[in-house]
Amino acid sequence: MRKIVIFSLLVLLLASCGEFEKVRKSTDYSMKYEYAKDAFENGKYLECATLLEELVTIYKGSSKAEEALYLLARSYYENKDYLTAGEYFKAYYRNFPRGEYAELARFYCGYGYYLDSPDPRLDQSGTYKAIDEMQQFIDYYPRSEKVAEAQNIIFELQDKLVYKEVLNAQLYYNLGNYLGNNYQSAIITAENTLKDYPYTKYKETLMMLILKSKYQEASQSYDEKKPERFRAVIDEYYAFINEFPDGTNAKEAQQIFKVASRYVKN
């Protein structure tokens, strides 16, 4: 019985493939277009995209051009090829800025880049693209029901960018004085990140890295420089403790303050 079922499925698959090839080679563009739309509705996104790649050129300037281009973009999107989908979504909203699907095209363009956004340890060019597209969507459609979702996506992606900088700052801190003063690099990285993203959820982590880096710099300084550098540590401690008096790093910060206070005359 199982062999019969498998054989039947194989026959259906071959028949389906044969039908698609017949349609693909046809010059009946109306029939081909209807087949593409039907393929999309049935989740055969690759078949749909294959047919529409040809049809969007043929239909250019016609009444079907707008729908065909949008459907092509959605086919790639549903097939999880977000980069290709993004290019076609852009082509759509640039060619049809007031088109029926312009709002959705802008949203899905950004959302696809968001889904394709890489791990924080990797290059974040795709993340910047996603943020830019989502911000453009908000600017063009401030009353859209998807604005709140777009804003949340931007915040999430910004946190990813900040986390990458947290990793960079932590790496500099861990390197210490290896081949140079990496503590200073950790401070600069963390401070610049806080300037760019002052409300990030990683604010405590970044401020603590600055405090710890300044403490290490002071501890490893020549004796004549220690009072000045430990004074900077104390200033940084107060900035941190005022912001996070009950933070997860408060106890460690207090220990740093106690040591720094020994080197600074009142």
C-alpha atoms as a PDB file:
ATOM      1  CA  MET A   1       0.000   0.000   0.000  1.00  0.00           C
ATOM      2  CA  ARG A   2       2.836   2.361   0.923  1.00  0.00           C
ATOM      3  CA  LYS A   3       4.534   1.772  -2.432  1.00  0.00           C
ATOM      4  CA  ILE A   4       1.295   2.644  -4.216  1.00  0.00           C
ATOM      5  CA  VAL A   5       1.002   5.938  -2.287  1.00  0.00           C
ATOM      6  CA  ILE A   6       4.629   6.880  -3.015  1.00  0.00           C
ATOM      7  CA  PHE A   7       4.186   6.003  -6.688  1.00  0.00           C
ATOM      8  CA  SER A   8       1.005   8.108  -6.878  1.00  0.00           C
ATOM      9  CA  LEU A   9       2.749  11.095  -5.296  1.00  0.00           C
ATOM     10  CA  LEU A  10       5.665  10.747  -7.705  1.00  0.00           C
ATOM     11  CA  VAL A  11       3.291  10.693 -10.665  1.00  0.00           C
ATOM     12  CA  LEU A  12       1.563  13.852  -9.388  1.00  0.00           C
ATOM     13  CA  LEU A  13       4.906  15.573  -8.857  1.00  0.00           C
ATOM     14  CA  LEU A  14       6.117  14.743 -12.344  1.00  0.00           C
ATOM     15  CA  ALA A  15       2.812  15.865 -13.815  1.00  0.00           C
ATOM     16  CA  SER A  16       3.050  19.124 -11.896  1.00  0.00           C
ATOM     17  CA  CYS A  17       6.623  19.716 -13.074  1.00  0.00           C
ATOM     18  CA  GLY A  18       5.600  18.926 -16.619  1.00  0.00           C
ATOM     19  CA  GLU A  19       2.713  21.372 -16.440  1.00  0.00           C
ATOM     20  CA  PHE A  20       4.939  24.144 -15.119  1.00  0.00           C
ATOM     21  CA  GLU A  21       7.533  23.601 -17.843  1.00  0.00           C
ATOM     22  CA  LYS A  22       4.790  23.741 -20.440  1.00  0.00           C
ATOM     23  CA  VAL A  23       3.540  27.039 -19.015  1.00  0.00           C
ATOM     24  CA  ARG A  24       7.051  28.460 -18.704  1.00  0.00           C
ATOM     25  CA  LYS A  25       7.756  27.836 -22.396  1.00  0.00           C
ATOM     26  CA  SER A  26       4.400  29.175 -23.517  1.00  0.00           C
ATOM     27  CA  THR A  27       3.980  32.522 -25.271  1.00  0.00           C
ATOM     28  CA  ASP A  28       0.455  32.906 -23.906  1.00  0.00           C
ATOM     29  CA  TYR A  29       1.330  35.592 -21.380  1.00  0.00           C
ATOM     30  CA  SER A  30      -2.175  35.944 -19.967  1.00  0.00           C
ATOM     31  CA  MET A  31      -2.288  32.238 -19.204  1.00  0.00           C
ATOM     32  CA  LYS A  32       1.217  32.412 -17.779  1.00  0.00           C
ATOM     33  CA  TYR A  33       0.248  35.305 -15.523  1.00  0.00           C
ATOM     34  CA  GLU A  34      -2.826  33.521 -14.189  1.00  0.00           C
ATOM     35  CA  TYR A  35      -0.715  30.440 -13.532  1.00  0.00           C
ATOM     36  CA  ALA A  36       1.805  32.602 -11.617  1.00  0.00           C
ATOM     37  CA  LYS A  37      -0.927  34.089  -9.427  1.00  0.00           C
ATOM     38  CA  ASP A  38      -2.355  30.651  -8.769  1.00  0.00           C
ATOM     39  CA  ALA A  39       1.133  29.362  -7.900  1.00  0.00           C
ATOM     40  CA  PHE A  40       1.519  32.188  -5.393  1.00  0.00           C
ATOM     41  CA  GLU A  41      -1.803  31.401  -3.741  1.00  0.00           C
ATOM     42  CA  ASN A  42      -0.741  27.754  -3.434  1.00  0.00           C
ATOM     43  CA  GLY A  43       2.632  28.547  -1.899  1.00  0.00           C
ATOM     44  CA  LYS A  44       4.672  27.728  -5.005  1.00  0.00           C
ATOM     45  CA  TYR A  45       6.679  30.913  -4.705  1.00  0.00           C
ATOM     46  CA  LEU A  46       9.659  29.842  -6.781  1.00  0.00           C
ATOM     47  CA  GLU A  47       7.417  28.908  -9.706  1.00  0.00           C
ATOM     48  CA  CYS A  48       5.609  32.225  -9.355  1.00  0.00           C
ATOM     49  CA  ALA A  49       8.865  34.209  -9.270  1.00  0.00           C
ATOM     50  CA  THR A  50      10.296  32.321 -12.247  1.00  0.00           C
ATOM     51  CA  LEU A  51       7.315  33.262 -14.408  1.00  0.00           C
ATOM     52  CA  LEU A  52       7.035  36.831 -13.170  1.00  0.00           C
ATOM     53  CA  GLU A  53      10.717  37.583 -13.812  1.00  0.00           C
ATOM     54  CA  GLU A  54       9.810  37.454 -17.501  1.00  0.00           C
ATOM     55  CA  LEU A  55       6.349  38.980 -17.211  1.00  0.00           C
ATOM     56  CA  VAL A  56       7.332  42.174 -15.342  1.00  0.00           C
ATOM     57  CA  THR A  57       9.389  43.163 -18.377  1.00  0.00           C
ATOM     58  CA  ILE A  58       6.665  42.239 -20.838  1.00  0.00           C
ATOM     59  CA  TYR A  59       3.961  44.010 -18.823  1.00  0.00           C
ATOM     60  CA  LYS A  60       5.982  47.170 -18.248  1.00  0.00           C
ATOM     61  CA  GLY A  61       3.750  50.169 -18.916  1.00  0.00           C
ATOM     62  CA  SER A  62       0.595  48.052 -18.980  1.00  0.00           C
ATOM     63  CA  SER A  63      -2.269  47.822 -16.504  1.00  0.00           C
ATOM     64  CA  LYS A  64      -0.777  44.624 -15.071  1.00  0.00           C
ATOM     65  CA  ALA A  65       2.696  46.056 -14.438  1.00  0.00           C
ATOM     66  CA  GLU A  66       2.009  47.227 -10.896  1.00  0.00           C
ATOM     67  CA  GLU A  67       0.467  44.012  -9.581  1.00  0.00           C
ATOM     68  CA  ALA A  68       3.040  41.830 -11.359  1.00  0.00           C
ATOM     69  CA  LEU A  69       5.993  43.680  -9.806  1.00  0.00           C
ATOM     70  CA  TYR A  70       4.510  43.592  -6.322  1.00  0.00           C
ATOM     71  CA  LEU A  71       3.659  39.915  -6.645  1.00  0.00           C
ATOM     72  CA  LEU A  72       7.202  39.185  -7.790  1.00  0.00           C
ATOM     73  CA  ALA A  73       8.611  40.938  -4.715  1.00  0.00           C
ATOM     74  CA  ARG A  74       6.233  39.054  -2.429  1.00  0.00           C
ATOM     75  CA  SER A  75       7.181  35.747  -4.048  1.00  0.00           C
ATOM     76  CA  TYR A  76      10.836  36.240  -3.160  1.00  0.00           C
ATOM     77  CA  TYR A  77       9.850  37.481   0.285  1.00  0.00           C
ATOM     78  CA  GLU A  78       7.713  34.419   1.001  1.00  0.00           C
ATOM     79  CA  ASN A  79      10.566  32.250  -0.286  1.00  0.00           C
ATOM     80  CA  LYS A  80      12.790  33.937   2.350  1.00  0.00           C
ATOM     81  CA  ASP A  81      15.076  35.533  -0.230  1.00  0.00           C
ATOM     82  CA  TYR A  82      14.806  38.880   1.547  1.00  0.00           C
ATOM     83  CA  LEU A  83      17.610  40.670  -0.273  1.00  0.00           C
ATOM     84  CA  THR A  84      16.139  40.011  -3.724  1.00  0.00           C
ATOM     85  CA  ALA A  85      12.665  40.782  -2.405  1.00  0.00           C
ATOM     86  CA  GLY A  86      13.952  44.088  -1.052  1.00  0.00           C
ATOM     87  CA  GLU A  87      15.270  45.132  -4.448  1.00  0.00           C
ATOM     88  CA  TYR A  88      11.901  44.424  -6.077  1.00  0.00           C
ATOM     89  CA  PHE A  89       9.956  46.135  -3.288  1.00  0.00           C
ATOM     90  CA  LYS A  90      12.148  49.192  -3.821  1.00  0.00           C
ATOM     91  CA  ALA A  91      11.563  49.001  -7.570  1.00  0.00           C
ATOM     92  CA  TYR A  92       7.836  48.901  -6.867  1.00  0.00           C
ATOM     93  CA  TYR A  93       7.580  51.911  -4.552  1.00  0.00           C
ATOM     94  CA  ARG A  94       9.921  53.933  -6.748  1.00  0.00           C
ATOM     95  CA  ASN A  95       7.936  53.187  -9.901  1.00  0.00           C
ATOM     96  CA  PHE A  96       4.543  53.360  -8.179  1.00  0.00           C
ATOM     97  CA  PRO A  97       4.943  55.775  -5.248  1.00  0.00           C
ATOM     98  CA  ARG A  98       1.165  56.177  -4.994  1.00  0.00           C
ATOM     99  CA  GLY A  99       0.382  52.626  -6.037  1.00  0.00           C
ATOM    100  CA  GLU A 100      -2.100  50.304  -4.404  1.00  0.00           C
ATOM    101  CA  TYR A 101       0.650  48.317  -2.696  1.00  0.00           C
ATOM    102  CA  ALA A 102       3.106  51.158  -1.959  1.00  0.00           C
ATOM    103  CA  GLU A 103       2.556  51.096   1.813  1.00  0.00           C
ATOM    104  CA  LEU A 104       2.939  47.325   2.015  1.00  0.00           C
ATOM    105  CA  ALA A 105       5.955  47.365  -0.296  1.00  0.00           C
ATOM    106  CA  ARG A 106       7.801  49.803   1.962  1.00  0.00           C
ATOM    107  CA  PHE A 107       6.895  47.851   5.081  1.00  0.00           C
ATOM    108  CA  TYR A 108       7.814  44.432   3.704  1.00  0.00           C
ATOM    109  CA  CYS A 109      11.056  45.797   2.290  1.00  0.00           C
ATOM    110  CA  GLY A 110      12.158  46.887   5.756  1.00  0.00           C
ATOM    111  CA  TYR A 111      10.706  43.831   7.457  1.00  0.00           C
ATOM    112  CA  GLY A 112      12.571  41.502   5.117  1.00  0.00           C
ATOM    113  CA  TYR A 113      15.859  43.250   5.865  1.00  0.00           C
ATOM    114  CA  TYR A 114      14.975  42.965   9.556  1.00  0.00           C
ATOM    115  CA  LEU A 115      14.468  39.213   9.249  1.00  0.00           C
ATOM    116  CA  ASP A 116      17.768  38.986   7.364  1.00  0.00           C
ATOM    117  CA  SER A 117      19.678  41.096   9.895  1.00  0.00           C
ATOM    118  CA  PRO A 118      22.868  39.209  10.891  1.00  0.00           C
ATOM    119  CA  ASP A 119      24.288  38.166  14.244  1.00  0.00           C
ATOM    120  CA  PRO A 120      25.730  41.164  16.182  1.00  0.00           C
ATOM    121  CA  ARG A 121      29.236  39.757  15.770  1.00  0.00           C
ATOM    122  CA  LEU A 122      29.003  40.086  11.991  1.00  0.00           C
ATOM    123  CA  ASP A 123      28.942  43.082   9.665  1.00  0.00           C
ATOM    124  CA  GLN A 124      25.789  45.111  10.340  1.00  0.00           C
ATOM    125  CA  SER A 125      25.226  46.713   6.916  1.00  0.00           C
ATOM    126  CA  GLY A 126      21.964  44.795   6.600  1.00  0.00           C
ATOM    127  CA  THR A 127      20.802  46.062   9.990  1.00  0.00           C
ATOM    128  CA  TYR A 128      21.393  49.662   8.939  1.00  0.00           C
ATOM    129  CA  LYS A 129      19.409  49.005   5.751  1.00  0.00           C
ATOM    130  CA  ALA A 130      16.514  47.614   7.773  1.00  0.00           C
ATOM    131  CA  ILE A 131      16.484  50.628  10.102  1.00  0.00           C
ATOM    132  CA  ASP A 132      16.594  53.025   7.157  1.00  0.00           C
ATOM    133  CA  GLU A 133      13.709  51.312   5.352  1.00  0.00           C
ATOM    134  CA  MET A 134      11.584  51.122   8.501  1.00  0.00           C
ATOM    135  CA  GLN A 135      12.210  54.789   9.261  1.00  0.00           C
ATOM    136  CA  GLN A 136      11.244  55.716   5.710  1.00  0.00           C
ATOM    137  CA  PHE A 137       8.068  53.687   6.117  1.00  0.00           C
ATOM    138  CA  ILE A 138       7.172  55.663   9.262  1.00  0.00           C
ATOM    139  CA  ASP A 139       7.981  58.955   7.544  1.00  0.00           C
ATOM    140  CA  TYR A 140       5.790  58.135   4.533  1.00  0.00           C
ATOM    141  CA  TYR A 141       2.924  56.518   6.463  1.00  0.00           C
ATOM    142  CA  PRO A 142       2.832  58.057   9.962  1.00  0.00           C
ATOM    143  CA  ARG A 143      -0.813  57.030  10.418  1.00  0.00           C
ATOM    144  CA  SER A 144      -0.357  53.432   9.313  1.00  0.00           C
ATOM    145  CA  GLU A 145      -1.525  50.723  11.693  1.00  0.00           C
ATOM    146  CA  LYS A 146       1.945  49.197  11.296  1.00  0.00           C
ATOM    147  CA  VAL A 147       3.825  52.223  12.660  1.00  0.00           C
ATOM    148  CA  ALA A 148       4.055  50.868  16.214  1.00  0.00           C
ATOM    149  CA  GLU A 149       5.451  47.585  14.910  1.00  0.00           C
ATOM    150  CA  ALA A 150       7.947  49.441  12.724  1.00  0.00           C
ATOM    151  CA  GLN A 151       9.102  51.555  15.679  1.00  0.00           C
ATOM    152  CA  ASN A 152       9.599  48.483  17.849  1.00  0.00           C
ATOM    153  CA  ILE A 153      11.650  46.880  15.086  1.00  0.00           C
ATOM    154  CA  ILE A 154      13.857  49.979  14.877  1.00  0.00           C
ATOM    155  CA  PHE A 155      14.426  49.894  18.646  1.00  0.00           C
ATOM    156  CA  GLU A 156      15.274  46.191  18.497  1.00  0.00           C
ATOM    157  CA  LEU A 157      17.729  46.698  15.648  1.00  0.00           C
ATOM    158  CA  GLN A 158      19.342  49.664  17.393  1.00  0.00           C
ATOM    159  CA  ASP A 159      19.857  47.474  20.449  1.00  0.00           C
ATOM    160  CA  LYS A 160      21.601  44.986  18.199  1.00  0.00           C
ATOM    161  CA  LEU A 161      23.957  47.714  16.957  1.00  0.00           C
ATOM    162  CA  VAL A 162      24.625  48.782  20.531  1.00  0.00           C
ATOM    163  CA  TYR A 163      25.302  45.204  21.592  1.00  0.00           C
ATOM    164  CA  LYS A 164      27.925  44.936  18.853  1.00  0.00           C
ATOM    165  CA  GLU A 165      29.638  47.988  20.345  1.00  0.00           C
ATOM    166  CA  VAL A 166      29.352  46.473  23.827  1.00  0.00           C
ATOM    167  CA  LEU A 167      31.199  43.426  22.515  1.00  0.00           C
ATOM    168  CA  ASN A 168      33.843  45.670  20.940  1.00  0.00           C
ATOM    169  CA  ALA A 169      34.319  47.681  24.127  1.00  0.00           C
ATOM    170  CA  GLN A 170      34.509  44.499  26.199  1.00  0.00           C
ATOM    171  CA  LEU A 171      37.113  43.095  23.822  1.00  0.00           C
ATOM    172  CA  TYR A 172      39.254  46.213  24.199  1.00  0.00           C
ATOM    173  CA  TYR A 173      38.907  45.980  27.965  1.00  0.00           C
ATOM    174  CA  ASN A 174      39.934  42.320  27.968  1.00  0.00           C
ATOM    175  CA  LEU A 175      43.001  43.123  25.850  1.00  0.00           C
ATOM    176  CA  GLY A 176      44.156  45.606  28.488  1.00  0.00           C
ATOM    177  CA  ASN A 177      47.587  46.973  27.630  1.00  0.00           C
ATOM    178  CA  TYR A 178      48.342  44.363  25.012  1.00  0.00           C
ATOM    179  CA  LEU A 179      50.057  46.183  22.115  1.00  0.00           C
ATOM    180  CA  GLY A 180      48.874  49.547  23.418  1.00  0.00           C
ATOM    181  CA  ASN A 181      46.363  51.181  25.735  1.00  0.00           C
ATOM    182  CA  ASN A 182      43.206  49.269  24.917  1.00  0.00           C
ATOM    183  CA  TYR A 183      41.460  50.644  27.999  1.00  0.00           C
ATOM    184  CA  GLN A 184      41.308  54.010  26.285  1.00  0.00           C
ATOM    185  CA  SER A 185      39.813  52.373  23.204  1.00  0.00           C
ATOM    186  CA  ALA A 186      37.182  50.710  25.408  1.00  0.00           C
ATOM    187  CA  ILE A 187      36.318  54.092  26.947  1.00  0.00           C
ATOM    188  CA  ILE A 188      36.030  55.840  23.586  1.00  0.00           C
ATOM    189  CA  THR A 189      33.913  53.036  22.100  1.00  0.00           C
ATOM    190  CA  ALA A 190      31.534  53.005  25.072  1.00  0.00           C
ATOM    191  CA  GLU A 191      31.255  56.792  25.301  1.00  0.00           C
ATOM    192  CA  ASN A 192      30.546  57.198  21.583  1.00  0.00           C
ATOM    193  CA  THR A 193      27.887  54.493  21.752  1.00  0.00           C
ATOM    194  CA  LEU A 194      26.161  56.240  24.669  1.00  0.00           C
ATOM    195  CA  LYS A 195      26.182  59.505  22.709  1.00  0.00           C
ATOM    196  CA  ASP A 196      24.524  57.817  19.752  1.00  0.00           C
ATOM    197  CA  TYR A 197      22.078  55.705  21.813  1.00  0.00           C
ATOM    198  CA  PRO A 198      21.569  57.421  25.190  1.00  0.00           C
ATOM    199  CA  TYR A 199      18.466  55.385  26.088  1.00  0.00           C
ATOM    200  CA  THR A 200      19.800  51.936  25.233  1.00  0.00           C
ATOM    201  CA  LYS A 201      19.053  49.012  27.544  1.00  0.00           C
ATOM    202  CA  TYR A 202      22.820  48.406  27.628  1.00  0.00           C
ATOM    203  CA  LYS A 203      23.510  51.767  29.265  1.00  0.00           C
ATOM    204  CA  GLU A 204      24.525  50.279  32.621  1.00  0.00           C
ATOM    205  CA  THR A 205      26.876  47.812  30.950  1.00  0.00           C
ATOM    206  CA  LEU A 206      28.534  50.549  28.893  1.00  0.00           C
ATOM    207  CA  MET A 207      28.898  52.932  31.845  1.00  0.00           C
ATOM    208  CA  MET A 208      30.382  50.151  33.943  1.00  0.00           C
ATOM    209  CA  LEU A 209      32.903  49.367  31.206  1.00  0.00           C
ATOM    210  CA  ILE A 210      33.945  53.029  31.205  1.00  0.00           C
ATOM    211  CA  LEU A 211      34.331  53.007  34.995  1.00  0.00           C
ATOM    212  CA  LYS A 212      36.316  49.762  35.009  1.00  0.00           C
ATOM    213  CA  SER A 213      38.538  50.909  32.151  1.00  0.00           C
ATOM    214  CA  LYS A 214      39.349  54.190  33.870  1.00  0.00           C
ATOM    215  CA  TYR A 215      40.070  52.282  37.068  1.00  0.00           C
ATOM    216  CA  GLN A 216      42.473  49.946  35.291  1.00  0.00           C
ATOM    217  CA  GLU A 217      44.173  52.894  33.599  1.00  0.00           C
ATOM    218  CA  ALA A 218      44.627  54.603  36.969  1.00  0.00           C
ATOM    219  CA  SER A 219      45.800  51.457  38.746  1.00  0.00           C
ATOM    220  CA  GLN A 220      48.481  50.806  36.133  1.00  0.00           C
ATOM    221  CA  SER A 221      49.653  54.417  35.899  1.00  0.00           C
ATOM    222  CA  TYR A 222      52.908  55.887  37.200  1.00  0.00           C
ATOM    223  CA  ASP A 223      52.589  57.090  40.793  1.00  0.00           C
ATOM    224  CA  GLU A 224      52.632  60.770  39.850  1.00  0.00           C
ATOM    225  CA  LYS A 225      49.629  60.293  37.542  1.00  0.00           C
ATOM    226  CA  LYS A 226      47.534  58.188  39.900  1.00  0.00           C
ATOM    227  CA  PRO A 227      45.854  61.000  41.891  1.00  0.00           C
ATOM    228  CA  GLU A 228      44.580  62.697  38.732  1.00  0.00           C
ATOM    229  CA  ARG A 229      43.417  59.467  37.117  1.00  0.00           C
ATOM    230  CA  PHE A 230      41.762  58.124  40.258  1.00  0.00           C
ATOM    231  CA  ARG A 231      39.938  61.451  40.564  1.00  0.00           C
ATOM    232  CA  ALA A 232      38.530  60.757  37.100  1.00  0.00           C
ATOM    233  CA  VAL A 233      37.531  57.297  38.348  1.00  0.00           C
ATOM    234  CA  ILE A 234      35.643  58.837  41.268  1.00  0.00           C
ATOM    235  CA  ASP A 235      33.857  61.264  38.932  1.00  0.00           C
ATOM    236  CA  GLU A 236      32.879  58.326  36.761  1.00  0.00           C
ATOM    237  CA  TYR A 237      31.701  56.401  39.826  1.00  0.00           C
ATOM    238  CA  TYR A 238      29.324  59.195  40.830  1.00  0.00           C
ATOM    239  CA  ALA A 239      27.968  59.408  37.284  1.00  0.00           C
ATOM    240  CA  PHE A 240      27.352  55.658  37.346  1.00  0.00           C
ATOM    241  CA  ILE A 241      25.876  55.368  40.844  1.00  0.00           C
ATOM    242  CA  ASN A 242      23.539  58.320  40.304  1.00  0.00           C
ATOM    243  CA  GLU A 243      22.189  56.576  37.224  1.00  0.00           C
ATOM    244  CA  PHE A 244      22.090  53.031  38.649  1.00  0.00           C
ATOM    245  CA  PRO A 245      22.092  53.155  42.470  1.00  0.00           C
ATOM    246  CA  ASP A 246      20.578  49.672  42.671  1.00  0.00           C
ATOM    247  CA  GLY A 247      22.058  48.290  39.472  1.00  0.00           C
ATOM    248  CA  THR A 248      23.547  44.833  39.088  1.00  0.00           C
ATOM    249  CA  ASN A 249      27.030  46.382  39.055  1.00  0.00           C
ATOM    250  CA  ALA A 250      26.547  48.695  42.045  1.00  0.00           C
ATOM    251  CA  LYS A 251      28.599  46.598  44.500  1.00  0.00           C
ATOM    252  CA  GLU A 252      31.539  46.316  42.117  1.00  0.00           C
ATOM    253  CA  ALA A 253      31.367  50.054  41.479  1.00  0.00           C
ATOM    254  CA  GLN A 254      31.464  50.730  45.232  1.00  0.00           C
ATOM    255  CA  GLN A 255      34.582  48.573  45.607  1.00  0.00           C
ATOM    256  CA  ILE A 256      36.265  50.570  42.838  1.00  0.00           C
ATOM    257  CA  PHE A 257      35.279  53.797  44.611  1.00  0.00           C
ATOM    258  CA  LYS A 258      36.822  52.637  47.903  1.00  0.00           C
ATOM    259  CA  VAL A 259      40.154  51.907  46.249  1.00  0.00           C
ATOM    260  CA  ALA A 260      40.131  55.134  44.228  1.00  0.00           C
ATOM    261  CA  SER A 261      39.371  57.217  47.327  1.00  0.00           C
ATOM    262  CA  ARG A 262      42.671  56.172  48.901  1.00  0.00           C
ATOM    263  CA  TYR A 263      44.592  58.010  46.186  1.00  0.00           C
ATOM    264  CA  VAL A 264      42.611  61.238  46.183  1.00  0.00           C
ATOM    265  CA  LYS A 265      43.044  63.864  48.896  1.00  0.00           C
ATOM    266  CA  ASN A 266      39.876  65.670  50.012  1.00  0.00           C
END
